[in-house]
Structure formats: structure tokens, C-alpha cells
Amino acid sequence: MTPSDYLAAARVPAALKPQAFGLWSILRHAVPESEASWIGWPTITLLRRVTEETLHVGGEVVMEDSRRELARHLPIWLRARGRVLITGLGLGCVVRGLLANPAVDHIDVVEIDPDILRVVGPEFASNPRVSLRLGDALKVAWPAGTRWDCAWHDIWSAEGGSRLHVLHGRLLIRYFDQVDQQGAWMLPRPVKRKYGGLRGLLG
């Protein structure tokens, strides 16, 4: 598998239709030629959420399946093996990429939002390589002795920015003793240095 193969495998399938549910909406747009170089596909799928701060502008884009954004997850797709923990399901892009990796045996996904699980989860519900769990990844109780070979933290915060970096850092610490290698899609250099002693941090 090449990096381009993983990017293509991770894209949101047409079967996941544009729709609104709860505070969320899934949108799909044709890509204008002027944007094709960074989006990479003829269409782009967006996940948008309305918050108090973004209500007046129709919500905030939480994630998209552009080539540029998907490339942030290449560290986990290229290095994952064995049992993998994913915190945050979103549009399911990280899970799709992992399923394309034959070295991945099983994927445990923790998602805090029941609406996301209800709408995006069915694609993976019957896959024996995927387990979906509703809960807060910082608080969920796992059976004694549960361990993973790799973990990737893909959560989103309505407060964005530094709050998101703090949450990713807390997850790295929370799972330190249960995971051999872990990382997160959005950590600034200072946080990477601060937690540089974490065993096998994917970057």
C-alpha cells in the first residue's frame, strides 16, 4: 500500500449520504477546478457541527475528506499493526484507512457522540475487525489487561486551538500504559517536545 492508496481508501463513500442530524450535518460538494490541486478528488465531503459560537455562520467544519486533511493521518495508516485504538469516529476516514492495512488485526473505536455512531457507525458495525463503543475516551472503563499495539487520537473540540492540543495530550497520557505506540493528528511542536518521552510517539 502506498500513501496514495491509503488516502483513496479513507475517502467517505457515496453510500454515506448528505444529511442533517442533531447538531451535525454531512455535506458533499463538487470540487471547482481551482481547488482540485489540494482537495485531490472531484467531490469533497464535509462534517459540520453547530456550536453556540458558530450558530450565526451555520456551524463549523469539523473534518473533511480532502487529500490535504487525510494526509495528516498517514502516520497511523503506514505504521499501524495488531490491535489499534481510535478515539473519535467522525466521518470514519481513519477507520477506513486502517482497514486497508493488512497488518491491522482489530480496531477499537471510542466515539462520544451517539448521533455520529448512529449515522456513520453502520458502515463498520458488521465488520469483525471493528468494535464501536459509545463513551468518553478519557473516562471509558476497559476490561483489566486491555492493551493496544497502536492508538491514534482523532477527537475534535468545539473550543478548537489550544484546547484541542490539551485534549490530545491528555489522551496520550491516559493510554500511556496500555499502548505501545500512539499519536494524534494535530499536535504542535512544543507539545511533541513536552511529551517526547512518551514511548514510541507516532508523529
C-alpha atoms as a PDB file:
ATOM      1  CA  MET A   1       0.000   0.000   0.000  1.00  0.00           C
ATOM      2  CA  THR A   2       1.292   3.434  -0.946  1.00  0.00           C
ATOM      3  CA  PRO A   3       0.329   6.688   0.795  1.00  0.00           C
ATOM      4  CA  SER A   4      -1.969   7.469  -2.135  1.00  0.00           C
ATOM      5  CA  ASP A   5      -3.680   4.092  -1.688  1.00  0.00           C
ATOM      6  CA  TYR A   6      -4.451   4.896   1.948  1.00  0.00           C
ATOM      7  CA  LEU A   7      -5.776   8.351   1.077  1.00  0.00           C
ATOM      8  CA  ALA A   8      -8.110   6.876  -1.528  1.00  0.00           C
ATOM      9  CA  ALA A   9      -9.279   4.081   0.801  1.00  0.00           C
ATOM     10  CA  ALA A  10     -10.116   6.576   3.559  1.00  0.00           C
ATOM     11  CA  ARG A  11     -12.482   8.726   1.495  1.00  0.00           C
ATOM     12  CA  VAL A  12     -16.122   8.938   2.512  1.00  0.00           C
ATOM     13  CA  PRO A  13     -18.181   6.554   0.342  1.00  0.00           C
ATOM     14  CA  ALA A  14     -21.173   7.732  -1.663  1.00  0.00           C
ATOM     15  CA  ALA A  15     -23.336   5.432   0.486  1.00  0.00           C
ATOM     16  CA  LEU A  16     -22.969   7.916   3.370  1.00  0.00           C
ATOM     17  CA  LYS A  17     -25.485  10.435   2.088  1.00  0.00           C
ATOM     18  CA  PRO A  18     -25.515  14.177   2.795  1.00  0.00           C
ATOM     19  CA  GLN A  19     -27.881  14.752   5.715  1.00  0.00           C
ATOM     20  CA  ALA A  20     -28.554  16.728   8.878  1.00  0.00           C
ATOM     21  CA  PHE A  21     -28.833  15.034  12.277  1.00  0.00           C
ATOM     22  CA  GLY A  22     -28.828  16.650  15.692  1.00  0.00           C
ATOM     23  CA  LEU A  23     -26.256  19.445  15.655  1.00  0.00           C
ATOM     24  CA  TRP A  24     -24.384  17.761  12.791  1.00  0.00           C
ATOM     25  CA  SER A  25     -24.611  17.822   9.022  1.00  0.00           C
ATOM     26  CA  ILE A  26     -22.808  15.908   6.286  1.00  0.00           C
ATOM     27  CA  LEU A  27     -22.306  17.906   3.104  1.00  0.00           C
ATOM     28  CA  ARG A  28     -20.909  16.857  -0.268  1.00  0.00           C
ATOM     29  CA  HIS A  29     -19.776  19.344  -2.907  1.00  0.00           C
ATOM     30  CA  ALA A  30     -18.382  19.170  -6.411  1.00  0.00           C
ATOM     31  CA  VAL A  31     -14.820  20.478  -6.465  1.00  0.00           C
ATOM     32  CA  PRO A  32     -14.111  23.508  -8.662  1.00  0.00           C
ATOM     33  CA  GLU A  33     -11.070  23.186 -10.881  1.00  0.00           C
ATOM     34  CA  SER A  34      -9.299  25.950  -8.968  1.00  0.00           C
ATOM     35  CA  GLU A  35      -9.412  23.838  -5.780  1.00  0.00           C
ATOM     36  CA  ALA A  36      -8.620  20.453  -7.294  1.00  0.00           C
ATOM     37  CA  SER A  37      -4.884  20.565  -6.518  1.00  0.00           C
ATOM     38  CA  TRP A  38      -5.284  20.386  -2.731  1.00  0.00           C
ATOM     39  CA  ILE A  39      -8.614  18.571  -2.482  1.00  0.00           C
ATOM     40  CA  GLY A  40      -7.467  15.827  -4.828  1.00  0.00           C
ATOM     41  CA  TRP A  41     -10.889  14.460  -5.814  1.00  0.00           C
ATOM     42  CA  PRO A  42     -13.889  15.520  -7.931  1.00  0.00           C
ATOM     43  CA  THR A  43     -16.017  15.803  -4.768  1.00  0.00           C
ATOM     44  CA  ILE A  44     -15.380  16.651  -1.132  1.00  0.00           C
ATOM     45  CA  THR A  45     -17.380  15.528   1.903  1.00  0.00           C
ATOM     46  CA  LEU A  46     -17.577  17.761   4.977  1.00  0.00           C
ATOM     47  CA  LEU A  47     -18.744  17.117   8.534  1.00  0.00           C
ATOM     48  CA  ARG A  48     -20.133  20.279  10.087  1.00  0.00           C
ATOM     49  CA  ARG A  49     -21.326  20.911  13.639  1.00  0.00           C
ATOM     50  CA  VAL A  50     -23.271  23.838  15.046  1.00  0.00           C
ATOM     51  CA  THR A  51     -21.997  25.286  18.321  1.00  0.00           C
ATOM     52  CA  GLU A  52     -23.081  28.338  20.288  1.00  0.00           C
ATOM     53  CA  GLU A  53     -20.141  30.266  18.861  1.00  0.00           C
ATOM     54  CA  THR A  54     -20.789  29.215  15.242  1.00  0.00           C
ATOM     55  CA  LEU A  55     -24.588  29.280  15.167  1.00  0.00           C
ATOM     56  CA  HIS A  56     -24.682  32.574  13.259  1.00  0.00           C
ATOM     57  CA  VAL A  57     -22.498  31.190  10.438  1.00  0.00           C
ATOM     58  CA  GLY A  58     -24.233  27.831  10.140  1.00  0.00           C
ATOM     59  CA  GLY A  59     -21.697  25.789  12.082  1.00  0.00           C
ATOM     60  CA  GLU A  60     -18.048  24.811  11.916  1.00  0.00           C
ATOM     61  CA  VAL A  61     -16.419  22.270   9.604  1.00  0.00           C
ATOM     62  CA  VAL A  62     -15.022  19.582  11.909  1.00  0.00           C
ATOM     63  CA  MET A  63     -13.466  17.408   9.228  1.00  0.00           C
ATOM     64  CA  GLU A  64     -13.327  16.792   5.500  1.00  0.00           C
ATOM     65  CA  ASP A  65     -12.019  14.100   3.196  1.00  0.00           C
ATOM     66  CA  SER A  66      -9.670  16.323   1.181  1.00  0.00           C
ATOM     67  CA  ARG A  67      -6.268  14.899   0.309  1.00  0.00           C
ATOM     68  CA  ARG A  68      -4.624  17.567   2.474  1.00  0.00           C
ATOM     69  CA  GLU A  69      -6.590  16.662   5.602  1.00  0.00           C
ATOM     70  CA  LEU A  70      -6.425  12.902   5.104  1.00  0.00           C
ATOM     71  CA  ALA A  71      -2.640  13.109   4.751  1.00  0.00           C
ATOM     72  CA  ARG A  72      -2.460  14.102   8.439  1.00  0.00           C
ATOM     73  CA  HIS A  73      -3.404  10.520   9.288  1.00  0.00           C
ATOM     74  CA  LEU A  74      -0.711   8.820   7.218  1.00  0.00           C
ATOM     75  CA  PRO A  75       1.476   8.170  10.311  1.00  0.00           C
ATOM     76  CA  ILE A  76      -1.068   5.743  11.763  1.00  0.00           C
ATOM     77  CA  TRP A  77      -2.055   4.141   8.448  1.00  0.00           C
ATOM     78  CA  LEU A  78       1.547   3.451   7.496  1.00  0.00           C
ATOM     79  CA  ARG A  79       2.726   2.184  10.901  1.00  0.00           C
ATOM     80  CA  ALA A  80      -0.306   0.516  12.443  1.00  0.00           C
ATOM     81  CA  ARG A  81      -0.267  -3.173  13.274  1.00  0.00           C
ATOM     82  CA  GLY A  82      -2.103  -5.614  15.514  1.00  0.00           C
ATOM     83  CA  ARG A  83      -4.811  -4.110  17.698  1.00  0.00           C
ATOM     84  CA  VAL A  84      -5.443  -0.385  17.256  1.00  0.00           C
ATOM     85  CA  LEU A  85      -7.378   2.118  19.376  1.00  0.00           C
ATOM     86  CA  ILE A  86      -9.024   5.108  17.683  1.00  0.00           C
ATOM     87  CA  THR A  87     -10.554   7.891  19.774  1.00  0.00           C
ATOM     88  CA  GLY A  88     -13.154   9.671  17.667  1.00  0.00           C
ATOM     89  CA  LEU A  89     -15.058   8.210  14.711  1.00  0.00           C
ATOM     90  CA  GLY A  90     -16.067  11.339  12.800  1.00  0.00           C
ATOM     91  CA  LEU A  91     -16.669  10.506   9.138  1.00  0.00           C
ATOM     92  CA  GLY A  92     -14.890   7.155   9.586  1.00  0.00           C
ATOM     93  CA  CYS A  93     -11.881   8.104   7.447  1.00  0.00           C
ATOM     94  CA  VAL A  94      -9.239   6.863   9.899  1.00  0.00           C
ATOM     95  CA  VAL A  95     -11.018   3.524  10.291  1.00  0.00           C
ATOM     96  CA  ARG A  96     -11.297   3.040   6.517  1.00  0.00           C
ATOM     97  CA  GLY A  97      -7.602   3.706   6.110  1.00  0.00           C
ATOM     98  CA  LEU A  98      -6.745   1.208   8.840  1.00  0.00           C
ATOM     99  CA  LEU A  99      -8.969  -1.451   7.302  1.00  0.00           C
ATOM    100  CA  ALA A 100      -6.878  -1.146   4.129  1.00  0.00           C
ATOM    101  CA  ASN A 101      -3.775  -2.106   6.126  1.00  0.00           C
ATOM    102  CA  PRO A 102      -3.436  -5.921   6.289  1.00  0.00           C
ATOM    103  CA  ALA A 103      -1.163  -5.644   9.340  1.00  0.00           C
ATOM    104  CA  VAL A 104      -4.112  -4.344  11.421  1.00  0.00           C
ATOM    105  CA  ASP A 105      -5.971  -7.169  13.154  1.00  0.00           C
ATOM    106  CA  HIS A 106      -8.618  -5.234  15.077  1.00  0.00           C
ATOM    107  CA  ILE A 107      -9.745  -1.636  15.584  1.00  0.00           C
ATOM    108  CA  ASP A 108     -11.452  -0.385  18.753  1.00  0.00           C
ATOM    109  CA  VAL A 109     -13.227   2.939  18.206  1.00  0.00           C
ATOM    110  CA  VAL A 110     -14.487   5.164  21.025  1.00  0.00           C
ATOM    111  CA  GLU A 111     -16.933   7.909  19.993  1.00  0.00           C
ATOM    112  CA  ILE A 112     -18.552  10.287  22.449  1.00  0.00           C
ATOM    113  CA  ASP A 113     -21.454  11.424  20.249  1.00  0.00           C
ATOM    114  CA  PRO A 114     -24.358   8.976  19.839  1.00  0.00           C
ATOM    115  CA  ASP A 115     -25.559  10.726  16.657  1.00  0.00           C
ATOM    116  CA  ILE A 116     -22.199  10.139  14.951  1.00  0.00           C
ATOM    117  CA  LEU A 117     -22.309   6.466  15.927  1.00  0.00           C
ATOM    118  CA  ARG A 118     -25.872   6.147  14.673  1.00  0.00           C
ATOM    119  CA  VAL A 119     -25.185   7.721  11.273  1.00  0.00           C
ATOM    120  CA  VAL A 120     -21.574   6.762  10.488  1.00  0.00           C
ATOM    121  CA  GLY A 121     -21.259   3.602  12.583  1.00  0.00           C
ATOM    122  CA  PRO A 122     -23.443   1.248  10.486  1.00  0.00           C
ATOM    123  CA  GLU A 123     -20.777   1.100   7.767  1.00  0.00           C
ATOM    124  CA  PHE A 124     -18.485  -0.701  10.232  1.00  0.00           C
ATOM    125  CA  ALA A 125     -20.964  -2.428  12.553  1.00  0.00           C
ATOM    126  CA  SER A 126     -20.840  -5.802  10.786  1.00  0.00           C
ATOM    127  CA  ASN A 127     -17.084  -5.782  10.191  1.00  0.00           C
ATOM    128  CA  PRO A 128     -15.425  -8.327  12.521  1.00  0.00           C
ATOM    129  CA  ARG A 129     -12.236  -6.220  12.554  1.00  0.00           C
ATOM    130  CA  VAL A 130     -14.018  -3.218  14.106  1.00  0.00           C
ATOM    131  CA  SER A 131     -15.593  -2.663  17.528  1.00  0.00           C
ATOM    132  CA  LEU A 132     -17.530   0.563  18.157  1.00  0.00           C
ATOM    133  CA  ARG A 133     -18.059   1.933  21.655  1.00  0.00           C
ATOM    134  CA  LEU A 134     -20.047   4.945  22.824  1.00  0.00           C
ATOM    135  CA  GLY A 135     -18.201   6.865  25.518  1.00  0.00           C
ATOM    136  CA  ASP A 136     -15.707   9.492  26.571  1.00  0.00           C
ATOM    137  CA  ALA A 137     -12.241   8.182  25.661  1.00  0.00           C
ATOM    138  CA  LEU A 138     -10.785   9.849  28.754  1.00  0.00           C
ATOM    139  CA  LYS A 139     -13.209   8.069  31.094  1.00  0.00           C
ATOM    140  CA  VAL A 140     -14.251   4.798  29.451  1.00  0.00           C
ATOM    141  CA  ALA A 141     -13.501   1.720  31.558  1.00  0.00           C
ATOM    142  CA  TRP A 142     -11.774  -1.051  29.623  1.00  0.00           C
ATOM    143  CA  PRO A 143     -11.529  -4.642  30.851  1.00  0.00           C
ATOM    144  CA  ALA A 144      -8.474  -5.302  33.011  1.00  0.00           C
ATOM    145  CA  GLY A 145      -5.393  -6.032  30.953  1.00  0.00           C
ATOM    146  CA  THR A 146      -6.670  -4.382  27.767  1.00  0.00           C
ATOM    147  CA  ARG A 147      -3.759  -3.302  25.575  1.00  0.00           C
ATOM    148  CA  TRP A 148      -3.237  -1.984  22.055  1.00  0.00           C
ATOM    149  CA  ASP A 149      -0.290  -2.038  19.719  1.00  0.00           C
ATOM    150  CA  CYS A 150      -1.141   1.435  18.410  1.00  0.00           C
ATOM    151  CA  ALA A 151      -3.506   4.307  19.190  1.00  0.00           C
ATOM    152  CA  TRP A 152      -4.485   7.388  17.220  1.00  0.00           C
ATOM    153  CA  HIS A 153      -6.393  10.260  18.808  1.00  0.00           C
ATOM    154  CA  ASP A 154      -8.712  11.987  16.354  1.00  0.00           C
ATOM    155  CA  ILE A 155     -11.031  13.919  18.636  1.00  0.00           C
ATOM    156  CA  TRP A 156     -12.387  17.393  17.990  1.00  0.00           C
ATOM    157  CA  SER A 157     -13.128  20.213  20.407  1.00  0.00           C
ATOM    158  CA  ALA A 158     -15.680  22.976  19.871  1.00  0.00           C
ATOM    159  CA  GLU A 159     -13.168  25.281  21.547  1.00  0.00           C
ATOM    160  CA  GLY A 160     -10.515  24.332  18.981  1.00  0.00           C
ATOM    161  CA  GLY A 161      -6.930  25.579  19.053  1.00  0.00           C
ATOM    162  CA  SER A 162      -5.063  25.084  22.301  1.00  0.00           C
ATOM    163  CA  ARG A 163      -7.969  23.193  23.877  1.00  0.00           C
ATOM    164  CA  LEU A 164      -7.672  20.525  21.193  1.00  0.00           C
ATOM    165  CA  HIS A 165      -3.944  20.202  21.810  1.00  0.00           C
ATOM    166  CA  VAL A 166      -4.553  19.786  25.535  1.00  0.00           C
ATOM    167  CA  LEU A 167      -7.162  17.068  24.913  1.00  0.00           C
ATOM    168  CA  HIS A 168      -4.804  15.167  22.626  1.00  0.00           C
ATOM    169  CA  GLY A 169      -2.069  15.440  25.227  1.00  0.00           C
ATOM    170  CA  ARG A 170      -4.379  14.132  27.947  1.00  0.00           C
ATOM    171  CA  LEU A 171      -5.287  11.150  25.784  1.00  0.00           C
ATOM    172  CA  LEU A 172      -1.619  10.348  25.161  1.00  0.00           C
ATOM    173  CA  ILE A 173      -1.095  10.291  28.930  1.00  0.00           C
ATOM    174  CA  ARG A 174      -4.339   8.404  29.662  1.00  0.00           C
ATOM    175  CA  TYR A 175      -3.346   5.495  27.397  1.00  0.00           C
ATOM    176  CA  PHE A 176       0.403   5.557  28.000  1.00  0.00           C
ATOM    177  CA  ASP A 177       0.463   2.299  29.955  1.00  0.00           C
ATOM    178  CA  GLN A 178      -1.889   0.475  27.580  1.00  0.00           C
ATOM    179  CA  VAL A 179      -0.431   1.323  24.161  1.00  0.00           C
ATOM    180  CA  ASP A 180       2.955   0.577  22.604  1.00  0.00           C
ATOM    181  CA  GLN A 181       2.818   3.426  20.052  1.00  0.00           C
ATOM    182  CA  GLN A 182       0.422   6.349  19.917  1.00  0.00           C
ATOM    183  CA  GLY A 183      -0.053   9.736  18.363  1.00  0.00           C
ATOM    184  CA  ALA A 184      -2.608  12.358  17.355  1.00  0.00           C
ATOM    185  CA  TRP A 185      -3.445  14.162  14.144  1.00  0.00           C
ATOM    186  CA  MET A 186      -2.933  17.685  15.480  1.00  0.00           C
ATOM    187  CA  LEU A 187      -0.183  18.339  17.985  1.00  0.00           C
ATOM    188  CA  PRO A 188       2.067  21.408  17.794  1.00  0.00           C
ATOM    189  CA  ARG A 189       5.844  21.043  18.108  1.00  0.00           C
ATOM    190  CA  PRO A 190       6.001  22.279  21.732  1.00  0.00           C
ATOM    191  CA  VAL A 191       3.558  19.577  22.849  1.00  0.00           C
ATOM    192  CA  LYS A 192       5.507  16.944  20.947  1.00  0.00           C
ATOM    193  CA  ARG A 193       8.677  18.005  22.752  1.00  0.00           C
ATOM    194  CA  LYS A 194       6.917  18.178  26.124  1.00  0.00           C
ATOM    195  CA  TYR A 195       5.665  14.628  25.736  1.00  0.00           C
ATOM    196  CA  GLY A 196       8.722  13.478  23.783  1.00  0.00           C
ATOM    197  CA  GLY A 197       9.396  10.854  26.429  1.00  0.00           C
ATOM    198  CA  LEU A 198       6.177   9.022  25.645  1.00  0.00           C
ATOM    199  CA  ARG A 199       7.027   5.581  24.395  1.00  0.00           C
ATOM    200  CA  GLY A 200       7.062   5.365  20.583  1.00  0.00           C
ATOM    201  CA  LEU A 201       5.023   8.506  19.862  1.00  0.00           C
ATOM    202  CA  LEU A 202       3.831   8.456  16.260  1.00  0.00           C
ATOM    203  CA  GLY A 203       4.432  11.791  14.606  1.00  0.00           C
END
